[in-house]
Amino acid sequence: MTPRPDMDWLAGLCALPGVSGDEALVRQRVWERLRPLAEQAWIDPLGSLVLTWCWRSGTGPRVVLAAHLDEVGLIVTGIDGDGLLRFESVGGIDARILPGCALRVGRSGIPGTVALPPVHLTPRQRREQASDPDDLRIDIGASDREQAERAVSPGDRAVFASPVGSLGRLFRAKALDDRAGVAAIVAALEGLPRPTFPLAVAFTVQEEIGTRGAAAVAEVLGADAAVILETTTAADLPGVVGRRRVTSLGAGPALTALDAGMIAGRSWTETLARTARDEGIPFQWKQAAAGGTDGAHFQGEAADVAVLSLPCRYLHAPCGVMDPADLEAEARLLRAWLFRSPWKEMDRA
């Protein structure tokens, strides 16, 4: 049976706010979807969701699938007397994209906009310069501090207010990094018998600010191997050539040889590539080593790690773009690898 990612469910998942450290709404949606399938499930003190099958009783290597719940965004740090909100970025956001961005602030999603002086009042010599983030504010329409304080508080997060849905044959949404990875795991696991080998699925928190959730999960689980489901840059755009494109939409999920935090485990990565070839599933290799993933922490706990990523344009921007065919191929590959691969018969290292 071919796994079919539920694009409507993914759209709803992407629409939820889940900036690092405030992933509860996203975690609850995933919990509701997968909890009936797992033998055991828990939420750790940092907020990561872990589900397991045969983790202590099964034979063969103990394998973890991991994807992170959080997204980049902004956090309110103070309120000025005129009702404008001071903020800091959470995760790697290019400050050049912020002026004029539409936002949803707090759990209730109050509309906001990053304040931008009109071009008519901007000196000519400054028009081509990026705004200083310290000079930017969020405008929620409050007339003074007291009115703003009735709506928001320091610590509230803000997410991009971006459209979710089709873009021709493509799909666009905020937070595809890494809600698409979450959706690939869900699609791979649903509709199949319960695993009879040691398997854990970790939906981690605070990846975008230093892979902090994975550090705690990796230490507790003590896995032998981990496959990290991520998204990665697709810079397949005019004027970008060669390895600078990193990946391309429509060419299938991407395997990683190395990134900024780890060198991928060769044997487990090769089993994914071999499975893809045997099953006729398209895949590609990531062409640049920039960026890091949760995999570094699992590798630090002596697990063999592979990274399987979905190509996505405009990562960490207000609206990412992906090809649903790549997501389906990723889910197919993950399912085939999990349930047909010879590694299940291997002895634990």
Protein backbone atom coordinates (compact mmCIF):
# COMPACT_ATOMS: atom_id res chain seq x y z
CA MET A 1 0.00 0.00 0.00
CA THR A 2 1.44 3.34 -1.06
CA PRO A 3 1.45 5.92 1.73
CA ARG A 4 -0.43 9.07 0.79
CA PRO A 5 0.49 12.13 2.85
CA ASP A 6 -2.63 13.88 4.09
CA MET A 7 -2.12 17.35 2.62
CA ASP A 8 -5.17 18.79 4.38
CA TRP A 9 -3.80 17.61 7.72
CA LEU A 10 -0.38 19.03 6.85
CA ALA A 11 -2.00 22.35 5.94
CA GLY A 12 -3.67 22.50 9.33
CA LEU A 13 -0.45 21.53 11.07
CA CYS A 14 1.51 24.25 9.30
CA ALA A 15 -1.14 26.84 10.16
CA LEU A 16 -0.70 26.24 13.90
CA PRO A 17 1.72 28.49 15.80
CA GLY A 18 4.71 26.60 17.15
CA VAL A 19 7.73 28.86 17.57
CA SER A 20 10.57 27.24 19.53
CA GLY A 21 9.69 26.81 23.19
CA ASP A 22 5.94 27.10 22.51
CA GLU A 23 5.13 23.96 20.51
CA ALA A 24 2.16 22.72 22.59
CA LEU A 25 -0.56 23.20 19.95
CA VAL A 26 1.46 21.39 17.29
CA ARG A 27 2.41 18.59 19.68
CA GLN A 28 -1.24 18.07 20.65
CA ARG A 29 -2.29 17.73 17.00
CA VAL A 30 0.40 15.10 16.38
CA TRP A 31 -0.43 13.29 19.64
CA GLU A 32 -4.08 13.01 18.63
CA ARG A 33 -3.10 11.51 15.28
CA LEU A 34 -0.51 8.94 16.38
CA ARG A 35 -1.23 8.10 20.04
CA PRO A 36 -3.65 5.24 19.16
CA LEU A 37 -0.91 3.53 17.14
CA ALA A 38 1.87 3.46 19.74
CA GLU A 39 2.52 0.96 22.51
CA GLN A 40 3.96 3.65 24.75
CA ALA A 41 4.00 7.43 24.52
CA TRP A 42 5.19 10.27 26.72
CA ILE A 43 6.07 13.95 26.70
CA ASP A 44 9.46 14.75 28.20
CA PRO A 45 10.11 17.75 30.47
CA LEU A 46 11.23 19.95 27.57
CA GLY A 47 8.10 19.12 25.60
CA SER A 48 9.23 16.58 23.00
CA LEU A 49 6.74 13.83 22.17
CA VAL A 50 8.11 10.25 22.08
CA LEU A 51 6.23 7.15 20.91
CA THR A 52 7.68 3.63 21.00
CA TRP A 53 7.03 0.07 19.83
CA CYS A 54 8.89 -3.00 21.22
CA TRP A 55 11.55 -0.64 22.52
CA ARG A 56 12.73 -2.86 25.37
CA SER A 57 11.46 -6.24 24.20
CA GLY A 58 12.17 -6.38 20.47
CA THR A 59 15.24 -7.82 18.77
CA GLY A 60 17.59 -6.06 16.38
CA PRO A 61 18.90 -2.50 16.42
CA ARG A 62 16.84 0.14 18.19
CA VAL A 63 15.86 2.72 15.59
CA VAL A 64 14.56 6.26 16.10
CA LEU A 65 12.74 8.41 13.57
CA ALA A 66 12.91 12.09 14.48
CA ALA A 67 11.34 15.30 13.20
CA HIS A 68 11.05 18.63 14.97
CA LEU A 69 7.82 20.40 15.84
CA ASP A 70 9.05 23.97 16.17
CA GLU A 71 9.37 26.74 13.62
CA VAL A 72 11.26 30.01 13.39
CA GLY A 73 9.43 33.14 14.42
CA LEU A 74 9.55 36.12 16.75
CA ILE A 75 9.17 36.63 20.50
CA VAL A 76 7.82 39.77 22.16
CA THR A 77 10.37 41.24 24.58
CA GLY A 78 8.69 44.49 25.59
CA ILE A 79 6.04 47.10 24.86
CA ASP A 80 6.80 50.75 24.09
CA GLY A 81 4.71 53.64 25.35
CA ASP A 82 3.11 54.08 21.93
CA GLY A 83 1.83 50.48 21.94
CA LEU A 84 4.40 49.09 19.52
CA LEU A 85 6.04 45.77 20.47
CA ARG A 86 9.75 45.15 20.76
CA PHE A 87 10.86 41.68 19.68
CA GLU A 88 13.71 39.31 18.96
CA SER A 89 13.98 36.64 16.29
CA VAL A 90 13.74 32.99 17.36
CA GLY A 91 15.84 30.88 15.03
CA GLY A 92 17.66 31.86 11.86
CA ILE A 93 15.61 34.60 10.18
CA ASP A 94 17.12 37.00 7.66
CA ALA A 95 16.31 40.44 9.06
CA ARG A 96 15.93 41.80 5.53
CA ILE A 97 12.60 40.00 5.09
CA LEU A 98 10.95 41.34 8.24
CA PRO A 99 9.86 44.93 7.44
CA GLY A 100 6.23 44.90 6.35
CA CYS A 101 5.66 41.21 7.20
CA ALA A 102 2.16 40.26 8.33
CA LEU A 103 2.13 38.33 11.60
CA ARG A 104 -0.13 36.52 14.03
CA VAL A 105 0.84 37.32 17.61
CA GLY A 106 0.22 35.11 20.65
CA ARG A 107 -1.88 31.97 20.99
CA SER A 108 -5.00 33.90 19.96
CA GLY A 109 -3.38 35.02 16.70
CA ILE A 110 -3.76 38.79 17.00
CA PRO A 111 -2.99 40.40 13.63
CA GLY A 112 0.24 42.36 13.51
CA THR A 113 2.66 43.92 11.06
CA VAL A 114 6.37 44.61 11.35
CA ALA A 115 6.50 48.40 11.26
CA LEU A 116 8.22 49.87 8.22
CA PRO A 117 8.74 53.59 7.48
CA PRO A 118 7.30 54.46 4.05
CA VAL A 119 9.81 54.61 1.23
CA HIS A 120 8.81 58.22 0.58
CA LEU A 121 10.22 59.20 3.99
CA THR A 122 13.35 57.05 3.81
CA PRO A 123 16.54 58.91 2.83
CA ARG A 124 17.77 57.75 -0.59
CA GLN A 125 21.10 56.55 0.81
CA ARG A 126 19.28 54.16 3.20
CA ARG A 127 16.78 52.67 0.76
CA GLU A 128 19.16 49.91 -0.32
CA GLN A 129 20.30 49.07 3.21
CA ALA A 130 18.77 46.40 5.42
CA SER A 131 16.87 47.74 8.42
CA ASP A 132 18.54 47.40 11.79
CA PRO A 133 16.49 44.76 13.69
CA ASP A 134 16.77 46.86 16.85
CA ASP A 135 14.84 49.62 15.10
CA LEU A 136 11.93 47.38 14.09
CA ARG A 137 8.67 47.02 16.01
CA ILE A 138 5.46 45.00 15.72
CA ASP A 139 2.32 47.07 15.23
CA ILE A 140 -0.91 45.44 16.50
CA GLY A 141 -2.99 48.59 16.20
CA ALA A 142 -2.73 49.56 19.87
CA SER A 143 -2.73 53.27 20.63
CA ASP A 144 -0.63 53.04 23.83
CA ARG A 145 1.13 50.62 26.15
CA GLU A 146 -1.93 49.94 28.28
CA GLN A 147 -4.03 48.89 25.30
CA ALA A 148 -1.26 46.66 23.98
CA GLU A 149 -0.76 45.04 27.39
CA ARG A 150 -4.39 43.95 27.40
CA ALA A 151 -3.70 41.92 24.24
CA VAL A 152 -0.13 40.64 24.49
CA SER A 153 2.67 40.06 26.99
CA PRO A 154 6.44 39.68 26.80
CA GLY A 155 7.15 36.08 25.93
CA ASP A 156 4.30 35.80 23.43
CA ARG A 157 5.44 34.41 20.10
CA ALA A 158 4.61 35.75 16.66
CA VAL A 159 4.40 33.67 13.49
CA PHE A 160 4.20 34.65 9.86
CA ALA A 161 0.61 35.14 8.65
CA SER A 162 1.11 33.30 5.38
CA PRO A 163 -1.31 31.65 2.96
CA VAL A 164 -1.54 27.86 3.07
CA GLY A 165 -2.53 25.85 0.02
CA SER A 166 -1.75 25.11 -3.59
CA LEU A 167 0.65 27.01 -5.81
CA GLY A 168 -0.03 25.31 -9.12
CA ARG A 169 1.16 21.73 -8.64
CA LEU A 170 3.19 22.84 -5.62
CA PHE A 171 2.21 23.44 -1.98
CA ARG A 172 3.00 26.52 0.06
CA ALA A 173 2.85 27.19 3.79
CA LYS A 174 4.83 28.55 6.66
CA ALA A 175 6.58 26.05 8.95
CA LEU A 176 7.17 23.37 6.32
CA ASP A 177 10.45 23.17 8.22
CA ASP A 178 9.75 20.75 9.75
CA ARG A 179 6.02 20.00 9.72
CA ALA A 180 6.62 18.27 6.36
CA GLY A 181 9.02 15.88 8.11
CA VAL A 182 6.35 15.19 10.72
CA ALA A 183 3.82 14.48 7.97
CA ALA A 184 6.21 12.06 6.24
CA ILE A 185 6.54 10.00 9.43
CA VAL A 186 2.77 9.98 9.97
CA ALA A 187 2.14 8.85 6.38
CA ALA A 188 4.78 6.11 6.63
CA LEU A 189 3.35 4.63 9.84
CA GLU A 190 -0.40 4.87 9.33
CA GLY A 191 -2.29 1.95 7.86
CA LEU A 192 0.33 -0.68 8.72
CA PRO A 193 0.55 -3.39 11.40
CA ARG A 194 2.36 -2.37 14.55
CA PRO A 195 6.13 -2.73 14.24
CA THR A 196 7.61 -5.90 15.75
CA PHE A 197 11.12 -4.46 16.05
CA PRO A 198 12.40 -1.74 18.43
CA LEU A 199 11.18 1.55 17.01
CA ALA A 200 10.78 4.99 18.54
CA VAL A 201 9.45 8.17 16.97
CA ALA A 202 10.59 11.47 18.48
CA PHE A 203 8.91 14.76 17.66
CA THR A 204 11.40 17.17 19.14
CA VAL A 205 11.20 20.76 20.34
CA GLN A 206 13.54 23.75 20.17
CA GLU A 207 15.46 22.49 17.13
CA GLU A 208 15.62 25.94 15.59
CA ILE A 209 17.50 27.42 18.55
CA GLY A 210 20.18 24.77 18.94
CA THR A 211 18.57 21.30 18.65
CA ARG A 212 17.94 21.32 22.39
CA GLY A 213 15.01 18.92 22.46
CA ALA A 214 16.94 16.26 20.56
CA ALA A 215 19.80 16.44 23.05
CA ALA A 216 17.51 15.30 25.86
CA VAL A 217 15.67 12.68 23.80
CA ALA A 218 18.83 11.13 22.39
CA GLU A 219 20.33 10.68 25.86
CA VAL A 220 17.21 9.01 27.24
CA LEU A 221 16.58 6.64 24.33
CA GLY A 222 20.11 5.41 23.74
CA ALA A 223 19.26 4.34 20.17
CA ASP A 224 21.49 2.33 17.86
CA ALA A 225 20.39 4.24 14.77
CA ALA A 226 18.37 7.32 13.90
CA VAL A 227 16.81 8.66 10.73
CA ILE A 228 16.19 12.39 10.86
CA LEU A 229 13.31 13.66 8.72
CA GLU A 230 14.04 17.26 7.84
CA THR A 231 13.53 19.88 5.19
CA THR A 232 16.41 21.39 3.26
CA THR A 233 17.05 24.29 0.93
CA ALA A 234 15.94 24.07 -2.69
CA ALA A 235 17.50 27.04 -4.41
CA ASP A 236 16.46 25.86 -7.89
CA LEU A 237 15.92 29.39 -9.10
CA PRO A 238 17.16 31.52 -12.00
CA GLY A 239 20.77 32.53 -11.58
CA VAL A 240 21.58 29.81 -9.04
CA VAL A 241 23.72 27.07 -10.53
CA GLY A 242 25.59 23.92 -9.53
CA ARG A 243 25.92 22.95 -5.89
CA ARG A 244 24.52 26.30 -4.77
CA ARG A 245 21.08 24.96 -5.70
CA VAL A 246 21.55 22.39 -2.91
CA THR A 247 18.46 20.40 -4.01
CA SER A 248 15.69 20.74 -6.60
CA LEU A 249 11.94 20.38 -6.26
CA GLY A 250 10.51 17.31 -8.00
CA ALA A 251 13.66 15.19 -7.82
CA GLY A 252 12.65 13.32 -4.67
CA PRO A 253 13.84 13.51 -1.05
CA ALA A 254 17.50 14.28 -0.36
CA LEU A 255 20.07 12.19 1.45
CA THR A 256 22.87 13.94 3.34
CA ALA A 257 26.54 12.97 3.38
CA LEU A 258 27.45 15.58 5.98
CA ASP A 259 26.23 18.84 7.45
CA ALA A 260 27.52 21.48 9.81
CA GLY A 261 27.03 19.24 12.85
CA MET A 262 27.82 15.66 11.77
CA ILE A 263 28.99 13.23 9.14
CA ALA A 264 26.12 10.90 8.30
CA GLY A 265 26.51 7.21 9.09
CA ARG A 266 27.55 5.57 5.86
CA SER A 267 26.00 2.12 6.31
CA TRP A 268 22.52 3.37 7.27
CA THR A 269 22.52 6.08 4.64
CA GLU A 270 23.46 3.50 2.02
CA THR A 271 20.57 1.24 3.07
CA LEU A 272 18.19 4.14 2.38
CA ALA A 273 19.77 4.77 -1.03
CA ARG A 274 19.67 1.04 -1.86
CA THR A 275 16.03 0.79 -0.80
CA ALA A 276 15.14 3.77 -3.00
CA ARG A 277 16.83 2.19 -6.02
CA ASP A 278 15.24 -1.21 -5.38
CA GLU A 279 11.77 0.33 -5.05
CA GLY A 280 12.13 2.76 -7.94
CA ILE A 281 11.71 5.77 -5.64
CA PRO A 282 13.38 9.00 -6.83
CA PHE A 283 15.94 10.59 -4.52
CA GLN A 284 18.82 13.05 -4.69
CA TRP A 285 21.89 14.00 -2.67
CA LYS A 286 22.12 17.27 -0.81
CA GLN A 287 24.82 19.33 -2.54
CA ALA A 288 25.93 21.57 0.34
CA ALA A 289 26.96 20.99 3.93
CA ALA A 290 25.41 24.13 5.44
CA GLY A 291 23.00 23.89 8.37
CA GLY A 292 22.60 21.27 11.07
CA THR A 293 19.94 18.86 12.31
CA ASP A 294 18.89 16.88 15.37
CA GLY A 295 21.12 14.10 14.04
CA ALA A 296 24.23 15.49 15.72
CA HIS A 297 22.84 14.68 19.19
CA PHE A 298 21.83 11.13 18.29
CA GLN A 299 25.27 10.59 16.79
CA GLY A 300 26.77 12.01 19.96
CA GLU A 301 25.03 9.20 21.86
CA ALA A 302 26.75 6.64 19.59
CA ALA A 303 23.84 6.12 17.17
CA ASP A 304 24.41 5.64 13.46
CA VAL A 305 22.54 8.52 11.81
CA ALA A 306 21.03 9.17 8.39
CA VAL A 307 19.24 12.35 7.33
CA LEU A 308 16.40 12.32 4.80
CA SER A 309 15.23 15.78 3.81
CA LEU A 310 12.40 17.27 1.81
CA PRO A 311 13.49 19.95 -0.68
CA CYS A 312 11.82 23.27 0.12
CA ARG A 313 12.17 26.72 -1.36
CA TYR A 314 12.37 29.78 0.91
CA LEU A 315 13.27 28.08 4.20
CA HIS A 316 12.92 30.31 7.28
CA ALA A 317 10.96 32.82 5.22
CA PRO A 318 7.28 33.76 5.56
CA CYS A 319 6.11 31.06 3.14
CA GLY A 320 7.91 27.91 2.00
CA VAL A 321 7.17 25.97 -1.19
CA MET A 322 7.45 22.19 -1.70
CA ASP A 323 6.40 19.56 -4.22
CA PRO A 324 3.83 17.09 -2.81
CA ALA A 325 5.35 14.41 -5.06
CA ASP A 326 8.62 14.73 -3.11
CA LEU A 327 6.75 14.30 0.17
CA GLU A 328 5.00 11.18 -1.13
CA ALA A 329 8.33 9.77 -2.32
CA GLU A 330 9.84 10.48 1.10
CA ALA A 331 7.02 8.68 2.90
CA ARG A 332 7.25 5.73 0.46
CA LEU A 333 10.99 5.45 1.00
CA LEU A 334 10.71 5.66 4.76
CA ARG A 335 8.01 2.96 4.86
CA ALA A 336 9.90 0.65 2.49
CA TRP A 337 13.09 1.08 4.50
CA LEU A 338 11.36 0.44 7.81
CA PHE A 339 9.40 -2.65 6.87
CA ARG A 340 11.40 -4.32 4.09
CA SER A 341 15.03 -3.53 4.79
CA PRO A 342 17.46 -6.30 5.85
CA TRP A 343 18.84 -4.20 8.71
CA LYS A 344 15.95 -5.53 10.89
CA GLU A 345 17.75 -8.87 11.07
CA MET A 346 21.05 -7.37 12.20
CA ASP A 347 22.35 -7.88 15.73
CA ARG A 348 22.57 -4.84 17.90
CA ALA A 349 26.02 -3.27 17.93
